[in-house]
Amino acid sequence: MGFNLAPGLAPEAPQTGNEVGELSLRTATEADLDELTQVAQAGFPDDPEWNYRFPNRRKYPEDNWKCIRREYEEYLAQPEKYVVLVVTAPVKSSERLISKVIALAVWDISILTKQTGGDSGVHERRDANPAHMEEFARALDNAFIQYFDRYGGNQIHLWLLTTHPKFRRLGAGRMLCNWGLNMATRKSWVMTVMASPMGKLLYEHLGYRLLGSVVVQVGEEKEKLNIACLVYEKSGGCLGCCGEG
């Protein structure tokens, strides 16, 4: 399971070579798995936890690809718990328009439903640091209990969100965020998210409130992560600042 720096909400303009048409939001399917993997590999390295967990991803790209693809396959196999969303755009390629996935989000819509699936290949993948992956998972589990258990099942949790770097600041992040806001408003629930320091600032700007934070650190290692736990308790309206994504 990942957490959310919010790469894709960062103030980065799209590359000038892309001619992008109208964006569309839809639920992902198995046919999107390769493009989901591509967007994740392009968008999430902005996130410090990516380097922390997968320091050898450039040396073993095939392991990184296989395990990321399997992770999204597992999300898609649990529609009662996870909603995997994509934003697509008609992009000009070789003098014709093709629909491409440019952004993704994974919302947990049923917190009390137990997830199924593996352990992200922690003991088989060569791109990862197993100790860091295990400590990361342990710390996030503890943080969820400490900060989010109070809301019980009356919450939706944003596990993952990113936009491909070539297509940022086009509104994809806003669409993915507002999907969650609309659902939370209909149900009178809150939205919760875990974020890196950069993501924390962005989510606070969007109206999320900081509940606390947790440190991910193996023993006395100097390398560590700081993860913020935030909640959005307002109802209605629009997370308009997500337009940076």
Protein backbone atom coordinates (compact mmCIF):
# COMPACT_ATOMS: atom_id res chain seq x y z
CA MET A 1 0.00 0.00 0.00
CA GLY A 2 1.26 3.45 -0.80
CA PHE A 3 0.72 6.92 0.57
CA ASN A 4 0.13 10.22 -1.05
CA LEU A 5 2.66 12.92 -1.73
CA ALA A 6 0.25 14.25 -4.35
CA PRO A 7 2.62 14.34 -7.27
CA GLY A 8 0.48 15.76 -9.97
CA LEU A 9 -0.77 18.61 -7.81
CA ALA A 10 2.65 20.19 -7.97
CA PRO A 11 3.12 23.49 -9.85
CA GLU A 12 4.71 22.07 -12.97
CA ALA A 13 3.59 23.08 -16.45
CA PRO A 14 3.01 20.47 -19.15
CA GLN A 15 5.69 20.01 -21.75
CA THR A 16 5.06 22.21 -24.75
CA GLY A 17 5.15 19.32 -27.24
CA ASN A 18 1.83 17.85 -26.05
CA GLU A 19 -1.39 18.81 -27.80
CA VAL A 20 -4.02 17.71 -25.30
CA GLY A 21 -7.77 17.73 -25.83
CA GLU A 22 -10.60 17.58 -23.30
CA LEU A 23 -9.93 15.52 -20.18
CA SER A 24 -12.25 12.67 -19.18
CA LEU A 25 -12.63 10.92 -15.82
CA ARG A 26 -13.62 7.27 -15.60
CA THR A 27 -13.15 4.10 -13.61
CA ALA A 28 -10.10 2.08 -14.64
CA THR A 29 -10.33 -1.44 -16.05
CA GLU A 30 -7.87 -4.28 -16.56
CA ALA A 31 -7.25 -2.96 -20.07
CA ASP A 32 -5.62 0.09 -18.43
CA LEU A 33 -3.04 -1.86 -16.43
CA ASP A 34 -0.06 -1.06 -18.66
CA GLU A 35 -0.90 2.63 -18.78
CA LEU A 36 -1.55 2.72 -15.03
CA THR A 37 1.90 1.26 -14.52
CA GLN A 38 3.46 3.78 -16.89
CA VAL A 39 1.82 6.74 -15.14
CA ALA A 40 2.82 5.42 -11.71
CA GLN A 41 6.43 4.93 -12.78
CA ALA A 42 6.56 8.43 -14.27
CA GLY A 43 4.66 10.31 -11.57
CA PHE A 44 5.60 8.82 -8.21
CA PRO A 45 9.41 9.25 -8.23
CA ASP A 46 8.71 12.85 -7.07
CA ASP A 47 7.63 11.19 -3.84
CA PRO A 48 10.44 10.57 -1.29
CA GLU A 49 8.90 7.25 -0.27
CA TRP A 50 9.47 5.97 -3.81
CA ASN A 51 13.24 6.24 -3.44
CA TYR A 52 13.02 4.99 0.12
CA ARG A 53 11.22 1.78 -0.85
CA PHE A 54 12.56 1.22 -4.37
CA PRO A 55 16.18 2.46 -4.45
CA ASN A 56 17.20 -0.09 -7.11
CA ARG A 57 14.34 0.48 -9.55
CA ARG A 58 16.64 1.76 -12.30
CA LYS A 59 18.92 -1.24 -11.94
CA TYR A 60 16.00 -3.70 -12.05
CA PRO A 61 13.28 -1.97 -14.10
CA GLU A 62 11.61 -5.27 -14.98
CA ASP A 63 10.98 -6.03 -11.29
CA ASN A 64 9.65 -2.54 -10.69
CA TRP A 65 7.26 -2.80 -13.63
CA LYS A 66 6.01 -6.28 -12.72
CA CYS A 67 5.32 -5.48 -9.08
CA ILE A 68 3.66 -2.12 -9.73
CA ARG A 69 1.44 -3.66 -12.37
CA ARG A 70 0.49 -6.45 -9.97
CA GLU A 71 -0.36 -3.90 -7.26
CA TYR A 72 -2.87 -2.15 -9.52
CA GLU A 73 -4.22 -5.48 -10.67
CA GLU A 74 -4.99 -6.27 -7.04
CA TYR A 75 -6.75 -2.93 -6.54
CA LEU A 76 -8.91 -3.57 -9.60
CA ALA A 77 -9.79 -7.05 -8.31
CA GLN A 78 -11.40 -5.51 -5.20
CA PRO A 79 -14.09 -3.10 -6.49
CA GLU A 80 -16.05 -3.44 -3.25
CA LYS A 81 -13.12 -1.75 -1.47
CA TYR A 82 -11.11 0.25 -3.98
CA VAL A 83 -12.09 2.62 -6.74
CA VAL A 84 -9.29 3.08 -9.25
CA LEU A 85 -9.86 6.22 -11.30
CA VAL A 86 -8.07 7.46 -14.38
CA VAL A 87 -8.11 10.73 -16.24
CA THR A 88 -7.65 10.33 -19.97
CA ALA A 89 -6.94 12.83 -22.70
CA PRO A 90 -6.94 12.66 -26.49
CA VAL A 91 -3.26 13.21 -27.29
CA LYS A 92 -1.90 13.82 -30.76
CA SER A 93 0.49 11.10 -31.83
CA SER A 94 1.74 10.56 -35.39
CA GLU A 95 -0.88 12.91 -36.83
CA ARG A 96 -3.80 11.20 -35.09
CA LEU A 97 -5.50 11.44 -31.71
CA ILE A 98 -5.25 8.60 -29.24
CA SER A 99 -6.80 8.40 -25.78
CA LYS A 100 -4.11 8.15 -23.11
CA VAL A 101 -4.24 7.71 -19.34
CA ILE A 102 -2.49 10.77 -17.90
CA ALA A 103 -3.41 10.57 -14.19
CA LEU A 104 -4.65 8.06 -11.62
CA ALA A 105 -6.06 7.83 -8.14
CA VAL A 106 -6.92 4.98 -5.79
CA TRP A 107 -9.68 5.67 -3.25
CA ASP A 108 -10.53 3.25 -0.45
CA ILE A 109 -14.33 3.51 -0.22
CA SER A 110 -14.81 0.75 2.36
CA ILE A 111 -12.24 1.14 5.11
CA LEU A 112 -13.70 -1.67 7.22
CA THR A 113 -13.45 -4.17 4.37
CA LYS A 114 -10.26 -6.19 4.66
CA GLN A 115 -7.99 -5.96 1.66
CA THR A 116 -6.77 -9.04 -0.16
CA GLY A 117 -3.61 -9.57 -2.14
CA GLY A 118 0.07 -10.04 -1.58
CA ASP A 119 2.86 -8.18 0.17
CA SER A 120 4.00 -6.17 -2.88
CA GLY A 121 6.64 -8.81 -3.57
CA VAL A 122 8.80 -7.55 -0.73
CA HIS A 123 10.90 -10.74 -0.54
CA GLU A 124 11.26 -11.37 -4.27
CA ARG A 125 11.68 -8.04 -6.01
CA ARG A 126 15.22 -6.80 -6.57
CA ASP A 127 14.31 -3.13 -7.03
CA ALA A 128 13.26 -2.71 -3.40
CA ASN A 129 14.77 -2.37 0.06
CA PRO A 130 12.87 -5.08 1.98
CA ALA A 131 13.53 -3.60 5.42
CA HIS A 132 12.30 -0.21 4.30
CA MET A 133 9.19 -1.70 2.72
CA GLU A 134 8.29 -3.64 5.84
CA GLU A 135 8.87 -0.68 8.16
CA PHE A 136 6.90 1.57 5.82
CA ALA A 137 3.91 -0.78 5.89
CA ARG A 138 4.11 -1.18 9.68
CA ALA A 139 4.31 2.58 10.28
CA LEU A 140 1.36 3.31 7.99
CA ASP A 141 -0.77 0.64 9.66
CA ASN A 142 -0.02 2.13 13.09
CA ALA A 143 -0.65 5.67 11.86
CA PHE A 144 -4.00 4.66 10.40
CA ILE A 145 -5.06 3.17 13.71
CA GLN A 146 -3.85 6.19 15.69
CA TYR A 147 -5.32 8.94 13.53
CA PHE A 148 -8.08 7.54 11.33
CA ASP A 149 -9.72 4.75 13.34
CA ARG A 150 -11.78 7.42 15.12
CA TYR A 151 -13.80 7.90 11.93
CA GLY A 152 -14.62 4.21 11.58
CA GLY A 153 -16.30 3.39 8.30
CA ASN A 154 -17.47 6.97 7.77
CA GLN A 155 -14.49 7.94 5.65
CA ILE A 156 -12.98 7.47 2.25
CA HIS A 157 -9.23 7.33 2.10
CA LEU A 158 -7.06 8.57 -0.74
CA TRP A 159 -4.23 6.06 -1.02
CA LEU A 160 -2.65 7.13 -4.27
CA LEU A 161 -2.81 10.04 -6.69
CA THR A 162 -0.41 11.14 -9.39
CA THR A 163 -0.33 12.81 -12.79
CA HIS A 164 2.21 12.05 -15.49
CA PRO A 165 4.79 14.90 -15.38
CA LYS A 166 4.14 15.78 -19.03
CA PHE A 167 0.47 16.50 -18.31
CA ARG A 168 0.45 18.44 -15.06
CA ARG A 169 -1.47 21.65 -14.42
CA LEU A 170 -4.23 20.67 -16.81
CA GLY A 171 -6.88 19.89 -14.19
CA ALA A 172 -6.50 16.12 -13.86
CA GLY A 173 -5.69 16.33 -10.14
CA ARG A 174 -8.75 18.46 -9.52
CA MET A 175 -10.99 15.90 -11.20
CA LEU A 176 -9.58 13.03 -9.14
CA CYS A 177 -9.84 14.97 -5.87
CA ASN A 178 -13.36 16.23 -6.50
CA TRP A 179 -14.60 12.71 -7.20
CA GLY A 180 -13.75 11.88 -3.59
CA LEU A 181 -15.25 15.12 -2.31
CA ASN A 182 -18.51 14.42 -4.12
CA MET A 183 -18.74 10.92 -2.67
CA ALA A 184 -17.85 12.07 0.85
CA THR A 185 -20.45 14.85 0.65
CA ARG A 186 -23.20 12.47 -0.50
CA LYS A 187 -22.49 10.14 2.42
CA SER A 188 -21.66 12.89 4.98
CA TRP A 189 -18.27 11.25 5.45
CA VAL A 190 -14.79 12.69 5.84
CA MET A 191 -11.81 12.22 3.54
CA THR A 192 -8.46 11.08 4.91
CA VAL A 193 -5.00 11.00 3.39
CA MET A 194 -1.36 10.39 4.32
CA ALA A 195 1.22 12.64 2.72
CA SER A 196 4.89 13.57 2.57
CA PRO A 197 5.95 17.08 3.71
CA MET A 198 5.36 18.50 0.21
CA GLY A 199 2.00 16.78 -0.04
CA LYS A 200 1.09 18.04 3.45
CA LEU A 201 1.40 21.66 2.35
CA LEU A 202 -0.71 21.04 -0.73
CA TYR A 203 -3.48 19.21 1.12
CA GLU A 204 -3.60 21.84 3.86
CA HIS A 205 -4.00 24.42 1.09
CA LEU A 206 -6.98 22.39 -0.14
CA GLY A 207 -8.65 22.50 3.27
CA TYR A 208 -7.39 19.32 4.91
CA ARG A 209 -6.55 19.51 8.63
CA LEU A 210 -3.39 17.97 10.09
CA LEU A 211 -4.07 15.35 12.77
CA GLY A 212 -0.48 14.30 13.40
CA SER A 213 2.50 12.62 11.81
CA VAL A 214 4.58 9.47 11.93
CA VAL A 215 8.25 8.75 11.26
CA VAL A 216 9.30 5.78 9.16
CA GLN A 217 12.79 4.69 10.22
CA VAL A 218 14.57 1.37 10.45
CA GLY A 219 16.52 1.21 13.70
CA GLU A 220 19.07 4.02 13.92
CA GLU A 221 19.38 4.60 10.18
CA LYS A 222 19.82 8.20 9.12
CA GLU A 223 17.42 7.74 6.21
CA LYS A 224 13.81 8.21 7.26
CA LEU A 225 10.45 9.50 6.13
CA ASN A 226 8.01 11.89 7.75
CA ILE A 227 4.37 11.17 6.94
CA ALA A 228 1.53 13.54 7.74
CA CYS A 229 -1.99 12.30 8.49
CA LEU A 230 -4.73 14.69 7.40
CA VAL A 231 -8.52 14.84 7.30
CA TYR A 232 -11.00 16.86 5.24
CA GLU A 233 -14.21 17.41 7.20
CA LYS A 234 -16.02 20.03 5.15
CA SER A 235 -18.96 19.18 2.92
CA GLY A 236 -19.91 20.43 -0.50
CA GLY A 237 -17.97 22.88 -2.59
CA CYS A 238 -15.03 22.06 -4.80
CA LEU A 239 -11.35 21.44 -4.22
CA GLY A 240 -10.56 24.03 -6.86
CA CYS A 241 -6.87 24.30 -6.03
CA CYS A 242 -6.42 20.77 -7.28
CA GLY A 243 -6.41 22.46 -10.68
CA GLU A 244 -2.64 22.51 -10.37
CA GLY A 245 -2.70 18.77 -11.00
